[in-house]
Amino acid sequence: EGGGDVGGAWYWNRYPGAMCDTAAM
């Protein structure tokens, strides 16, 4: 993994308001 941890896009995306708009369940 190129990032410093697992998570992919969710490792990189830390902008204010970042969330997924598909239901978490």
PDBML (XML) file of the C-alpha atoms, coordinates in Angstrom:
<?xml version="1.0" encoding="UTF-8" ?>
<PDBx:datablock datablockName="MODEL"
   xmlns:PDBx="http://pdbml.pdb.org/schema/pdbx-v50.xsd"
   xmlns:xsi="http://www.w3.org/2001/XMLSchema-instance"
   xsi:schemaLocation="http://pdbml.pdb.org/schema/pdbx-v50.xsd pdbx-v50.xsd">
   <PDBx:atom_siteCategory>
      <PDBx:atom_site id="1">
         <PDBx:B_iso_or_equiv>0.00</PDBx:B_iso_or_equiv>
         <PDBx:Cartn_x>0.000</PDBx:Cartn_x>
         <PDBx:Cartn_y>0.000</PDBx:Cartn_y>
         <PDBx:Cartn_z>0.000</PDBx:Cartn_z>
         <PDBx:auth_asym_id>A</PDBx:auth_asym_id>
         <PDBx:auth_atom_id>CA</PDBx:auth_atom_id>
         <PDBx:auth_comp_id>GLU</PDBx:auth_comp_id>
         <PDBx:auth_seq_id>1</PDBx:auth_seq_id>
         <PDBx:group_PDB>ATOM</PDBx:group_PDB>
         <PDBx:label_alt_id xsi:nil="true" />
         <PDBx:label_asym_id>A</PDBx:label_asym_id>
         <PDBx:label_atom_id>CA</PDBx:label_atom_id>
         <PDBx:label_comp_id>GLU</PDBx:label_comp_id>
         <PDBx:label_entity_id>1</PDBx:label_entity_id>
         <PDBx:label_seq_id>1</PDBx:label_seq_id>
         <PDBx:occupancy>1.00</PDBx:occupancy>
         <PDBx:pdbx_PDB_model_num>1</PDBx:pdbx_PDB_model_num>
         <PDBx:type_symbol>C</PDBx:type_symbol>
      </PDBx:atom_site>
      <PDBx:atom_site id="2">
         <PDBx:B_iso_or_equiv>0.00</PDBx:B_iso_or_equiv>
         <PDBx:Cartn_x>1.365</PDBx:Cartn_x>
         <PDBx:Cartn_y>3.406</PDBx:Cartn_y>
         <PDBx:Cartn_z>-1.011</PDBx:Cartn_z>
         <PDBx:auth_asym_id>A</PDBx:auth_asym_id>
         <PDBx:auth_atom_id>CA</PDBx:auth_atom_id>
         <PDBx:auth_comp_id>GLY</PDBx:auth_comp_id>
         <PDBx:auth_seq_id>2</PDBx:auth_seq_id>
         <PDBx:group_PDB>ATOM</PDBx:group_PDB>
         <PDBx:label_alt_id xsi:nil="true" />
         <PDBx:label_asym_id>A</PDBx:label_asym_id>
         <PDBx:label_atom_id>CA</PDBx:label_atom_id>
         <PDBx:label_comp_id>GLY</PDBx:label_comp_id>
         <PDBx:label_entity_id>1</PDBx:label_entity_id>
         <PDBx:label_seq_id>2</PDBx:label_seq_id>
         <PDBx:occupancy>1.00</PDBx:occupancy>
         <PDBx:pdbx_PDB_model_num>1</PDBx:pdbx_PDB_model_num>
         <PDBx:type_symbol>C</PDBx:type_symbol>
      </PDBx:atom_site>
      <PDBx:atom_site id="3">
         <PDBx:B_iso_or_equiv>0.00</PDBx:B_iso_or_equiv>
         <PDBx:Cartn_x>-0.273</PDBx:Cartn_x>
         <PDBx:Cartn_y>5.234</PDBx:Cartn_y>
         <PDBx:Cartn_z>1.891</PDBx:Cartn_z>
         <PDBx:auth_asym_id>A</PDBx:auth_asym_id>
         <PDBx:auth_atom_id>CA</PDBx:auth_atom_id>
         <PDBx:auth_comp_id>GLY</PDBx:auth_comp_id>
         <PDBx:auth_seq_id>3</PDBx:auth_seq_id>
         <PDBx:group_PDB>ATOM</PDBx:group_PDB>
         <PDBx:label_alt_id xsi:nil="true" />
         <PDBx:label_asym_id>A</PDBx:label_asym_id>
         <PDBx:label_atom_id>CA</PDBx:label_atom_id>
         <PDBx:label_comp_id>GLY</PDBx:label_comp_id>
         <PDBx:label_entity_id>1</PDBx:label_entity_id>
         <PDBx:label_seq_id>3</PDBx:label_seq_id>
         <PDBx:occupancy>1.00</PDBx:occupancy>
         <PDBx:pdbx_PDB_model_num>1</PDBx:pdbx_PDB_model_num>
         <PDBx:type_symbol>C</PDBx:type_symbol>
      </PDBx:atom_site>
      <PDBx:atom_site id="4">
         <PDBx:B_iso_or_equiv>0.00</PDBx:B_iso_or_equiv>
         <PDBx:Cartn_x>1.063</PDBx:Cartn_x>
         <PDBx:Cartn_y>5.216</PDBx:Cartn_y>
         <PDBx:Cartn_z>5.404</PDBx:Cartn_z>
         <PDBx:auth_asym_id>A</PDBx:auth_asym_id>
         <PDBx:auth_atom_id>CA</PDBx:auth_atom_id>
         <PDBx:auth_comp_id>GLY</PDBx:auth_comp_id>
         <PDBx:auth_seq_id>4</PDBx:auth_seq_id>
         <PDBx:group_PDB>ATOM</PDBx:group_PDB>
         <PDBx:label_alt_id xsi:nil="true" />
         <PDBx:label_asym_id>A</PDBx:label_asym_id>
         <PDBx:label_atom_id>CA</PDBx:label_atom_id>
         <PDBx:label_comp_id>GLY</PDBx:label_comp_id>
         <PDBx:label_entity_id>1</PDBx:label_entity_id>
         <PDBx:label_seq_id>4</PDBx:label_seq_id>
         <PDBx:occupancy>1.00</PDBx:occupancy>
         <PDBx:pdbx_PDB_model_num>1</PDBx:pdbx_PDB_model_num>
         <PDBx:type_symbol>C</PDBx:type_symbol>
      </PDBx:atom_site>
      <PDBx:atom_site id="5">
         <PDBx:B_iso_or_equiv>0.00</PDBx:B_iso_or_equiv>
         <PDBx:Cartn_x>-1.846</PDBx:Cartn_x>
         <PDBx:Cartn_y>3.077</PDBx:Cartn_y>
         <PDBx:Cartn_z>6.594</PDBx:Cartn_z>
         <PDBx:auth_asym_id>A</PDBx:auth_asym_id>
         <PDBx:auth_atom_id>CA</PDBx:auth_atom_id>
         <PDBx:auth_comp_id>ASP</PDBx:auth_comp_id>
         <PDBx:auth_seq_id>5</PDBx:auth_seq_id>
         <PDBx:group_PDB>ATOM</PDBx:group_PDB>
         <PDBx:label_alt_id xsi:nil="true" />
         <PDBx:label_asym_id>A</PDBx:label_asym_id>
         <PDBx:label_atom_id>CA</PDBx:label_atom_id>
         <PDBx:label_comp_id>ASP</PDBx:label_comp_id>
         <PDBx:label_entity_id>1</PDBx:label_entity_id>
         <PDBx:label_seq_id>5</PDBx:label_seq_id>
         <PDBx:occupancy>1.00</PDBx:occupancy>
         <PDBx:pdbx_PDB_model_num>1</PDBx:pdbx_PDB_model_num>
         <PDBx:type_symbol>C</PDBx:type_symbol>
      </PDBx:atom_site>
      <PDBx:atom_site id="6">
         <PDBx:B_iso_or_equiv>0.00</PDBx:B_iso_or_equiv>
         <PDBx:Cartn_x>-4.689</PDBx:Cartn_x>
         <PDBx:Cartn_y>0.998</PDBx:Cartn_y>
         <PDBx:Cartn_z>5.214</PDBx:Cartn_z>
         <PDBx:auth_asym_id>A</PDBx:auth_asym_id>
         <PDBx:auth_atom_id>CA</PDBx:auth_atom_id>
         <PDBx:auth_comp_id>VAL</PDBx:auth_comp_id>
         <PDBx:auth_seq_id>6</PDBx:auth_seq_id>
         <PDBx:group_PDB>ATOM</PDBx:group_PDB>
         <PDBx:label_alt_id xsi:nil="true" />
         <PDBx:label_asym_id>A</PDBx:label_asym_id>
         <PDBx:label_atom_id>CA</PDBx:label_atom_id>
         <PDBx:label_comp_id>VAL</PDBx:label_comp_id>
         <PDBx:label_entity_id>1</PDBx:label_entity_id>
         <PDBx:label_seq_id>6</PDBx:label_seq_id>
         <PDBx:occupancy>1.00</PDBx:occupancy>
         <PDBx:pdbx_PDB_model_num>1</PDBx:pdbx_PDB_model_num>
         <PDBx:type_symbol>C</PDBx:type_symbol>
      </PDBx:atom_site>
      <PDBx:atom_site id="7">
         <PDBx:B_iso_or_equiv>0.00</PDBx:B_iso_or_equiv>
         <PDBx:Cartn_x>-7.930</PDBx:Cartn_x>
         <PDBx:Cartn_y>2.632</PDBx:Cartn_y>
         <PDBx:Cartn_z>4.092</PDBx:Cartn_z>
         <PDBx:auth_asym_id>A</PDBx:auth_asym_id>
         <PDBx:auth_atom_id>CA</PDBx:auth_atom_id>
         <PDBx:auth_comp_id>GLY</PDBx:auth_comp_id>
         <PDBx:auth_seq_id>7</PDBx:auth_seq_id>
         <PDBx:group_PDB>ATOM</PDBx:group_PDB>
         <PDBx:label_alt_id xsi:nil="true" />
         <PDBx:label_asym_id>A</PDBx:label_asym_id>
         <PDBx:label_atom_id>CA</PDBx:label_atom_id>
         <PDBx:label_comp_id>GLY</PDBx:label_comp_id>
         <PDBx:label_entity_id>1</PDBx:label_entity_id>
         <PDBx:label_seq_id>7</PDBx:label_seq_id>
         <PDBx:occupancy>1.00</PDBx:occupancy>
         <PDBx:pdbx_PDB_model_num>1</PDBx:pdbx_PDB_model_num>
         <PDBx:type_symbol>C</PDBx:type_symbol>
      </PDBx:atom_site>
      <PDBx:atom_site id="8">
         <PDBx:B_iso_or_equiv>0.00</PDBx:B_iso_or_equiv>
         <PDBx:Cartn_x>-7.289</PDBx:Cartn_x>
         <PDBx:Cartn_y>3.652</PDBx:Cartn_y>
         <PDBx:Cartn_z>0.494</PDBx:Cartn_z>
         <PDBx:auth_asym_id>A</PDBx:auth_asym_id>
         <PDBx:auth_atom_id>CA</PDBx:auth_atom_id>
         <PDBx:auth_comp_id>GLY</PDBx:auth_comp_id>
         <PDBx:auth_seq_id>8</PDBx:auth_seq_id>
         <PDBx:group_PDB>ATOM</PDBx:group_PDB>
         <PDBx:label_alt_id xsi:nil="true" />
         <PDBx:label_asym_id>A</PDBx:label_asym_id>
         <PDBx:label_atom_id>CA</PDBx:label_atom_id>
         <PDBx:label_comp_id>GLY</PDBx:label_comp_id>
         <PDBx:label_entity_id>1</PDBx:label_entity_id>
         <PDBx:label_seq_id>8</PDBx:label_seq_id>
         <PDBx:occupancy>1.00</PDBx:occupancy>
         <PDBx:pdbx_PDB_model_num>1</PDBx:pdbx_PDB_model_num>
         <PDBx:type_symbol>C</PDBx:type_symbol>
      </PDBx:atom_site>
      <PDBx:atom_site id="9">
         <PDBx:B_iso_or_equiv>0.00</PDBx:B_iso_or_equiv>
         <PDBx:Cartn_x>-9.305</PDBx:Cartn_x>
         <PDBx:Cartn_y>6.761</PDBx:Cartn_y>
         <PDBx:Cartn_z>-0.397</PDBx:Cartn_z>
         <PDBx:auth_asym_id>A</PDBx:auth_asym_id>
         <PDBx:auth_atom_id>CA</PDBx:auth_atom_id>
         <PDBx:auth_comp_id>ALA</PDBx:auth_comp_id>
         <PDBx:auth_seq_id>9</PDBx:auth_seq_id>
         <PDBx:group_PDB>ATOM</PDBx:group_PDB>
         <PDBx:label_alt_id xsi:nil="true" />
         <PDBx:label_asym_id>A</PDBx:label_asym_id>
         <PDBx:label_atom_id>CA</PDBx:label_atom_id>
         <PDBx:label_comp_id>ALA</PDBx:label_comp_id>
         <PDBx:label_entity_id>1</PDBx:label_entity_id>
         <PDBx:label_seq_id>9</PDBx:label_seq_id>
         <PDBx:occupancy>1.00</PDBx:occupancy>
         <PDBx:pdbx_PDB_model_num>1</PDBx:pdbx_PDB_model_num>
         <PDBx:type_symbol>C</PDBx:type_symbol>
      </PDBx:atom_site>
      <PDBx:atom_site id="10">
         <PDBx:B_iso_or_equiv>0.00</PDBx:B_iso_or_equiv>
         <PDBx:Cartn_x>-10.328</PDBx:Cartn_x>
         <PDBx:Cartn_y>7.037</PDBx:Cartn_y>
         <PDBx:Cartn_z>3.249</PDBx:Cartn_z>
         <PDBx:auth_asym_id>A</PDBx:auth_asym_id>
         <PDBx:auth_atom_id>CA</PDBx:auth_atom_id>
         <PDBx:auth_comp_id>TRP</PDBx:auth_comp_id>
         <PDBx:auth_seq_id>10</PDBx:auth_seq_id>
         <PDBx:group_PDB>ATOM</PDBx:group_PDB>
         <PDBx:label_alt_id xsi:nil="true" />
         <PDBx:label_asym_id>A</PDBx:label_asym_id>
         <PDBx:label_atom_id>CA</PDBx:label_atom_id>
         <PDBx:label_comp_id>TRP</PDBx:label_comp_id>
         <PDBx:label_entity_id>1</PDBx:label_entity_id>
         <PDBx:label_seq_id>10</PDBx:label_seq_id>
         <PDBx:occupancy>1.00</PDBx:occupancy>
         <PDBx:pdbx_PDB_model_num>1</PDBx:pdbx_PDB_model_num>
         <PDBx:type_symbol>C</PDBx:type_symbol>
      </PDBx:atom_site>
      <PDBx:atom_site id="11">
         <PDBx:B_iso_or_equiv>0.00</PDBx:B_iso_or_equiv>
         <PDBx:Cartn_x>-6.702</PDBx:Cartn_x>
         <PDBx:Cartn_y>7.342</PDBx:Cartn_y>
         <PDBx:Cartn_z>4.299</PDBx:Cartn_z>
         <PDBx:auth_asym_id>A</PDBx:auth_asym_id>
         <PDBx:auth_atom_id>CA</PDBx:auth_atom_id>
         <PDBx:auth_comp_id>TYR</PDBx:auth_comp_id>
         <PDBx:auth_seq_id>11</PDBx:auth_seq_id>
         <PDBx:group_PDB>ATOM</PDBx:group_PDB>
         <PDBx:label_alt_id xsi:nil="true" />
         <PDBx:label_asym_id>A</PDBx:label_asym_id>
         <PDBx:label_atom_id>CA</PDBx:label_atom_id>
         <PDBx:label_comp_id>TYR</PDBx:label_comp_id>
         <PDBx:label_entity_id>1</PDBx:label_entity_id>
         <PDBx:label_seq_id>11</PDBx:label_seq_id>
         <PDBx:occupancy>1.00</PDBx:occupancy>
         <PDBx:pdbx_PDB_model_num>1</PDBx:pdbx_PDB_model_num>
         <PDBx:type_symbol>C</PDBx:type_symbol>
      </PDBx:atom_site>
      <PDBx:atom_site id="12">
         <PDBx:B_iso_or_equiv>0.00</PDBx:B_iso_or_equiv>
         <PDBx:Cartn_x>-6.178</PDBx:Cartn_x>
         <PDBx:Cartn_y>10.272</PDBx:Cartn_y>
         <PDBx:Cartn_z>1.942</PDBx:Cartn_z>
         <PDBx:auth_asym_id>A</PDBx:auth_asym_id>
         <PDBx:auth_atom_id>CA</PDBx:auth_atom_id>
         <PDBx:auth_comp_id>TRP</PDBx:auth_comp_id>
         <PDBx:auth_seq_id>12</PDBx:auth_seq_id>
         <PDBx:group_PDB>ATOM</PDBx:group_PDB>
         <PDBx:label_alt_id xsi:nil="true" />
         <PDBx:label_asym_id>A</PDBx:label_asym_id>
         <PDBx:label_atom_id>CA</PDBx:label_atom_id>
         <PDBx:label_comp_id>TRP</PDBx:label_comp_id>
         <PDBx:label_entity_id>1</PDBx:label_entity_id>
         <PDBx:label_seq_id>12</PDBx:label_seq_id>
         <PDBx:occupancy>1.00</PDBx:occupancy>
         <PDBx:pdbx_PDB_model_num>1</PDBx:pdbx_PDB_model_num>
         <PDBx:type_symbol>C</PDBx:type_symbol>
      </PDBx:atom_site>
      <PDBx:atom_site id="13">
         <PDBx:B_iso_or_equiv>0.00</PDBx:B_iso_or_equiv>
         <PDBx:Cartn_x>-9.513</PDBx:Cartn_x>
         <PDBx:Cartn_y>12.089</PDBx:Cartn_y>
         <PDBx:Cartn_z>2.183</PDBx:Cartn_z>
         <PDBx:auth_asym_id>A</PDBx:auth_asym_id>
         <PDBx:auth_atom_id>CA</PDBx:auth_atom_id>
         <PDBx:auth_comp_id>ASN</PDBx:auth_comp_id>
         <PDBx:auth_seq_id>13</PDBx:auth_seq_id>
         <PDBx:group_PDB>ATOM</PDBx:group_PDB>
         <PDBx:label_alt_id xsi:nil="true" />
         <PDBx:label_asym_id>A</PDBx:label_asym_id>
         <PDBx:label_atom_id>CA</PDBx:label_atom_id>
         <PDBx:label_comp_id>ASN</PDBx:label_comp_id>
         <PDBx:label_entity_id>1</PDBx:label_entity_id>
         <PDBx:label_seq_id>13</PDBx:label_seq_id>
         <PDBx:occupancy>1.00</PDBx:occupancy>
         <PDBx:pdbx_PDB_model_num>1</PDBx:pdbx_PDB_model_num>
         <PDBx:type_symbol>C</PDBx:type_symbol>
      </PDBx:atom_site>
      <PDBx:atom_site id="14">
         <PDBx:B_iso_or_equiv>0.00</PDBx:B_iso_or_equiv>
         <PDBx:Cartn_x>-9.468</PDBx:Cartn_x>
         <PDBx:Cartn_y>14.234</PDBx:Cartn_y>
         <PDBx:Cartn_z>5.301</PDBx:Cartn_z>
         <PDBx:auth_asym_id>A</PDBx:auth_asym_id>
         <PDBx:auth_atom_id>CA</PDBx:auth_atom_id>
         <PDBx:auth_comp_id>ARG</PDBx:auth_comp_id>
         <PDBx:auth_seq_id>14</PDBx:auth_seq_id>
         <PDBx:group_PDB>ATOM</PDBx:group_PDB>
         <PDBx:label_alt_id xsi:nil="true" />
         <PDBx:label_asym_id>A</PDBx:label_asym_id>
         <PDBx:label_atom_id>CA</PDBx:label_atom_id>
         <PDBx:label_comp_id>ARG</PDBx:label_comp_id>
         <PDBx:label_entity_id>1</PDBx:label_entity_id>
         <PDBx:label_seq_id>14</PDBx:label_seq_id>
         <PDBx:occupancy>1.00</PDBx:occupancy>
         <PDBx:pdbx_PDB_model_num>1</PDBx:pdbx_PDB_model_num>
         <PDBx:type_symbol>C</PDBx:type_symbol>
      </PDBx:atom_site>
      <PDBx:atom_site id="15">
         <PDBx:B_iso_or_equiv>0.00</PDBx:B_iso_or_equiv>
         <PDBx:Cartn_x>-11.066</PDBx:Cartn_x>
         <PDBx:Cartn_y>17.377</PDBx:Cartn_y>
         <PDBx:Cartn_z>3.941</PDBx:Cartn_z>
         <PDBx:auth_asym_id>A</PDBx:auth_asym_id>
         <PDBx:auth_atom_id>CA</PDBx:auth_atom_id>
         <PDBx:auth_comp_id>TYR</PDBx:auth_comp_id>
         <PDBx:auth_seq_id>15</PDBx:auth_seq_id>
         <PDBx:group_PDB>ATOM</PDBx:group_PDB>
         <PDBx:label_alt_id xsi:nil="true" />
         <PDBx:label_asym_id>A</PDBx:label_asym_id>
         <PDBx:label_atom_id>CA</PDBx:label_atom_id>
         <PDBx:label_comp_id>TYR</PDBx:label_comp_id>
         <PDBx:label_entity_id>1</PDBx:label_entity_id>
         <PDBx:label_seq_id>15</PDBx:label_seq_id>
         <PDBx:occupancy>1.00</PDBx:occupancy>
         <PDBx:pdbx_PDB_model_num>1</PDBx:pdbx_PDB_model_num>
         <PDBx:type_symbol>C</PDBx:type_symbol>
      </PDBx:atom_site>
      <PDBx:atom_site id="16">
         <PDBx:B_iso_or_equiv>0.00</PDBx:B_iso_or_equiv>
         <PDBx:Cartn_x>-13.783</PDBx:Cartn_x>
         <PDBx:Cartn_y>19.001</PDBx:Cartn_y>
         <PDBx:Cartn_z>6.094</PDBx:Cartn_z>
         <PDBx:auth_asym_id>A</PDBx:auth_asym_id>
         <PDBx:auth_atom_id>CA</PDBx:auth_atom_id>
         <PDBx:auth_comp_id>PRO</PDBx:auth_comp_id>
         <PDBx:auth_seq_id>16</PDBx:auth_seq_id>
         <PDBx:group_PDB>ATOM</PDBx:group_PDB>
         <PDBx:label_alt_id xsi:nil="true" />
         <PDBx:label_asym_id>A</PDBx:label_asym_id>
         <PDBx:label_atom_id>CA</PDBx:label_atom_id>
         <PDBx:label_comp_id>PRO</PDBx:label_comp_id>
         <PDBx:label_entity_id>1</PDBx:label_entity_id>
         <PDBx:label_seq_id>16</PDBx:label_seq_id>
         <PDBx:occupancy>1.00</PDBx:occupancy>
         <PDBx:pdbx_PDB_model_num>1</PDBx:pdbx_PDB_model_num>
         <PDBx:type_symbol>C</PDBx:type_symbol>
      </PDBx:atom_site>
      <PDBx:atom_site id="17">
         <PDBx:B_iso_or_equiv>0.00</PDBx:B_iso_or_equiv>
         <PDBx:Cartn_x>-17.123</PDBx:Cartn_x>
         <PDBx:Cartn_y>17.280</PDBx:Cartn_y>
         <PDBx:Cartn_z>5.674</PDBx:Cartn_z>
         <PDBx:auth_asym_id>A</PDBx:auth_asym_id>
         <PDBx:auth_atom_id>CA</PDBx:auth_atom_id>
         <PDBx:auth_comp_id>GLY</PDBx:auth_comp_id>
         <PDBx:auth_seq_id>17</PDBx:auth_seq_id>
         <PDBx:group_PDB>ATOM</PDBx:group_PDB>
         <PDBx:label_alt_id xsi:nil="true" />
         <PDBx:label_asym_id>A</PDBx:label_asym_id>
         <PDBx:label_atom_id>CA</PDBx:label_atom_id>
         <PDBx:label_comp_id>GLY</PDBx:label_comp_id>
         <PDBx:label_entity_id>1</PDBx:label_entity_id>
         <PDBx:label_seq_id>17</PDBx:label_seq_id>
         <PDBx:occupancy>1.00</PDBx:occupancy>
         <PDBx:pdbx_PDB_model_num>1</PDBx:pdbx_PDB_model_num>
         <PDBx:type_symbol>C</PDBx:type_symbol>
      </PDBx:atom_site>
      <PDBx:atom_site id="18">
         <PDBx:B_iso_or_equiv>0.00</PDBx:B_iso_or_equiv>
         <PDBx:Cartn_x>-15.715</PDBx:Cartn_x>
         <PDBx:Cartn_y>14.152</PDBx:Cartn_y>
         <PDBx:Cartn_z>4.035</PDBx:Cartn_z>
         <PDBx:auth_asym_id>A</PDBx:auth_asym_id>
         <PDBx:auth_atom_id>CA</PDBx:auth_atom_id>
         <PDBx:auth_comp_id>ALA</PDBx:auth_comp_id>
         <PDBx:auth_seq_id>18</PDBx:auth_seq_id>
         <PDBx:group_PDB>ATOM</PDBx:group_PDB>
         <PDBx:label_alt_id xsi:nil="true" />
         <PDBx:label_asym_id>A</PDBx:label_asym_id>
         <PDBx:label_atom_id>CA</PDBx:label_atom_id>
         <PDBx:label_comp_id>ALA</PDBx:label_comp_id>
         <PDBx:label_entity_id>1</PDBx:label_entity_id>
         <PDBx:label_seq_id>18</PDBx:label_seq_id>
         <PDBx:occupancy>1.00</PDBx:occupancy>
         <PDBx:pdbx_PDB_model_num>1</PDBx:pdbx_PDB_model_num>
         <PDBx:type_symbol>C</PDBx:type_symbol>
      </PDBx:atom_site>
      <PDBx:atom_site id="19">
         <PDBx:B_iso_or_equiv>0.00</PDBx:B_iso_or_equiv>
         <PDBx:Cartn_x>-18.081</PDBx:Cartn_x>
         <PDBx:Cartn_y>11.212</PDBx:Cartn_y>
         <PDBx:Cartn_z>4.284</PDBx:Cartn_z>
         <PDBx:auth_asym_id>A</PDBx:auth_asym_id>
         <PDBx:auth_atom_id>CA</PDBx:auth_atom_id>
         <PDBx:auth_comp_id>MET</PDBx:auth_comp_id>
         <PDBx:auth_seq_id>19</PDBx:auth_seq_id>
         <PDBx:group_PDB>ATOM</PDBx:group_PDB>
         <PDBx:label_alt_id xsi:nil="true" />
         <PDBx:label_asym_id>A</PDBx:label_asym_id>
         <PDBx:label_atom_id>CA</PDBx:label_atom_id>
         <PDBx:label_comp_id>MET</PDBx:label_comp_id>
         <PDBx:label_entity_id>1</PDBx:label_entity_id>
         <PDBx:label_seq_id>19</PDBx:label_seq_id>
         <PDBx:occupancy>1.00</PDBx:occupancy>
         <PDBx:pdbx_PDB_model_num>1</PDBx:pdbx_PDB_model_num>
         <PDBx:type_symbol>C</PDBx:type_symbol>
      </PDBx:atom_site>
      <PDBx:atom_site id="20">
         <PDBx:B_iso_or_equiv>0.00</PDBx:B_iso_or_equiv>
         <PDBx:Cartn_x>-19.567</PDBx:Cartn_x>
         <PDBx:Cartn_y>8.495</PDBx:Cartn_y>
         <PDBx:Cartn_z>2.107</PDBx:Cartn_z>
         <PDBx:auth_asym_id>A</PDBx:auth_asym_id>
         <PDBx:auth_atom_id>CA</PDBx:auth_atom_id>
         <PDBx:auth_comp_id>CYS</PDBx:auth_comp_id>
         <PDBx:auth_seq_id>20</PDBx:auth_seq_id>
         <PDBx:group_PDB>ATOM</PDBx:group_PDB>
         <PDBx:label_alt_id xsi:nil="true" />
         <PDBx:label_asym_id>A</PDBx:label_asym_id>
         <PDBx:label_atom_id>CA</PDBx:label_atom_id>
         <PDBx:label_comp_id>CYS</PDBx:label_comp_id>
         <PDBx:label_entity_id>1</PDBx:label_entity_id>
         <PDBx:label_seq_id>20</PDBx:label_seq_id>
         <PDBx:occupancy>1.00</PDBx:occupancy>
         <PDBx:pdbx_PDB_model_num>1</PDBx:pdbx_PDB_model_num>
         <PDBx:type_symbol>C</PDBx:type_symbol>
      </PDBx:atom_site>
      <PDBx:atom_site id="21">
         <PDBx:B_iso_or_equiv>0.00</PDBx:B_iso_or_equiv>
         <PDBx:Cartn_x>-23.070</PDBx:Cartn_x>
         <PDBx:Cartn_y>9.133</PDBx:Cartn_y>
         <PDBx:Cartn_z>0.816</PDBx:Cartn_z>
         <PDBx:auth_asym_id>A</PDBx:auth_asym_id>
         <PDBx:auth_atom_id>CA</PDBx:auth_atom_id>
         <PDBx:auth_comp_id>ASP</PDBx:auth_comp_id>
         <PDBx:auth_seq_id>21</PDBx:auth_seq_id>
         <PDBx:group_PDB>ATOM</PDBx:group_PDB>
         <PDBx:label_alt_id xsi:nil="true" />
         <PDBx:label_asym_id>A</PDBx:label_asym_id>
         <PDBx:label_atom_id>CA</PDBx:label_atom_id>
         <PDBx:label_comp_id>ASP</PDBx:label_comp_id>
         <PDBx:label_entity_id>1</PDBx:label_entity_id>
         <PDBx:label_seq_id>21</PDBx:label_seq_id>
         <PDBx:occupancy>1.00</PDBx:occupancy>
         <PDBx:pdbx_PDB_model_num>1</PDBx:pdbx_PDB_model_num>
         <PDBx:type_symbol>C</PDBx:type_symbol>
      </PDBx:atom_site>
      <PDBx:atom_site id="22">
         <PDBx:B_iso_or_equiv>0.00</PDBx:B_iso_or_equiv>
         <PDBx:Cartn_x>-23.874</PDBx:Cartn_x>
         <PDBx:Cartn_y>5.448</PDBx:Cartn_y>
         <PDBx:Cartn_z>0.515</PDBx:Cartn_z>
         <PDBx:auth_asym_id>A</PDBx:auth_asym_id>
         <PDBx:auth_atom_id>CA</PDBx:auth_atom_id>
         <PDBx:auth_comp_id>THR</PDBx:auth_comp_id>
         <PDBx:auth_seq_id>22</PDBx:auth_seq_id>
         <PDBx:group_PDB>ATOM</PDBx:group_PDB>
         <PDBx:label_alt_id xsi:nil="true" />
         <PDBx:label_asym_id>A</PDBx:label_asym_id>
         <PDBx:label_atom_id>CA</PDBx:label_atom_id>
         <PDBx:label_comp_id>THR</PDBx:label_comp_id>
         <PDBx:label_entity_id>1</PDBx:label_entity_id>
         <PDBx:label_seq_id>22</PDBx:label_seq_id>
         <PDBx:occupancy>1.00</PDBx:occupancy>
         <PDBx:pdbx_PDB_model_num>1</PDBx:pdbx_PDB_model_num>
         <PDBx:type_symbol>C</PDBx:type_symbol>
      </PDBx:atom_site>
      <PDBx:atom_site id="23">
         <PDBx:B_iso_or_equiv>0.00</PDBx:B_iso_or_equiv>
         <PDBx:Cartn_x>-25.505</PDBx:Cartn_x>
         <PDBx:Cartn_y>4.154</PDBx:Cartn_y>
         <PDBx:Cartn_z>3.696</PDBx:Cartn_z>
         <PDBx:auth_asym_id>A</PDBx:auth_asym_id>
         <PDBx:auth_atom_id>CA</PDBx:auth_atom_id>
         <PDBx:auth_comp_id>ALA</PDBx:auth_comp_id>
         <PDBx:auth_seq_id>23</PDBx:auth_seq_id>
         <PDBx:group_PDB>ATOM</PDBx:group_PDB>
         <PDBx:label_alt_id xsi:nil="true" />
         <PDBx:label_asym_id>A</PDBx:label_asym_id>
         <PDBx:label_atom_id>CA</PDBx:label_atom_id>
         <PDBx:label_comp_id>ALA</PDBx:label_comp_id>
         <PDBx:label_entity_id>1</PDBx:label_entity_id>
         <PDBx:label_seq_id>23</PDBx:label_seq_id>
         <PDBx:occupancy>1.00</PDBx:occupancy>
         <PDBx:pdbx_PDB_model_num>1</PDBx:pdbx_PDB_model_num>
         <PDBx:type_symbol>C</PDBx:type_symbol>
      </PDBx:atom_site>
      <PDBx:atom_site id="24">
         <PDBx:B_iso_or_equiv>0.00</PDBx:B_iso_or_equiv>
         <PDBx:Cartn_x>-22.908</PDBx:Cartn_x>
         <PDBx:Cartn_y>2.792</PDBx:Cartn_y>
         <PDBx:Cartn_z>6.117</PDBx:Cartn_z>
         <PDBx:auth_asym_id>A</PDBx:auth_asym_id>
         <PDBx:auth_atom_id>CA</PDBx:auth_atom_id>
         <PDBx:auth_comp_id>ALA</PDBx:auth_comp_id>
         <PDBx:auth_seq_id>24</PDBx:auth_seq_id>
         <PDBx:group_PDB>ATOM</PDBx:group_PDB>
         <PDBx:label_alt_id xsi:nil="true" />
         <PDBx:label_asym_id>A</PDBx:label_asym_id>
         <PDBx:label_atom_id>CA</PDBx:label_atom_id>
         <PDBx:label_comp_id>ALA</PDBx:label_comp_id>
         <PDBx:label_entity_id>1</PDBx:label_entity_id>
         <PDBx:label_seq_id>24</PDBx:label_seq_id>
         <PDBx:occupancy>1.00</PDBx:occupancy>
         <PDBx:pdbx_PDB_model_num>1</PDBx:pdbx_PDB_model_num>
         <PDBx:type_symbol>C</PDBx:type_symbol>
      </PDBx:atom_site>
      <PDBx:atom_site id="25">
         <PDBx:B_iso_or_equiv>0.00</PDBx:B_iso_or_equiv>
         <PDBx:Cartn_x>-24.816</PDBx:Cartn_x>
         <PDBx:Cartn_y>-0.449</PDBx:Cartn_y>
         <PDBx:Cartn_z>6.739</PDBx:Cartn_z>
         <PDBx:auth_asym_id>A</PDBx:auth_asym_id>
         <PDBx:auth_atom_id>CA</PDBx:auth_atom_id>
         <PDBx:auth_comp_id>MET</PDBx:auth_comp_id>
         <PDBx:auth_seq_id>25</PDBx:auth_seq_id>
         <PDBx:group_PDB>ATOM</PDBx:group_PDB>
         <PDBx:label_alt_id xsi:nil="true" />
         <PDBx:label_asym_id>A</PDBx:label_asym_id>
         <PDBx:label_atom_id>CA</PDBx:label_atom_id>
         <PDBx:label_comp_id>MET</PDBx:label_comp_id>
         <PDBx:label_entity_id>1</PDBx:label_entity_id>
         <PDBx:label_seq_id>25</PDBx:label_seq_id>
         <PDBx:occupancy>1.00</PDBx:occupancy>
         <PDBx:pdbx_PDB_model_num>1</PDBx:pdbx_PDB_model_num>
         <PDBx:type_symbol>C</PDBx:type_symbol>
      </PDBx:atom_site>
   </PDBx:atom_siteCategory>
</PDBx:datablock>
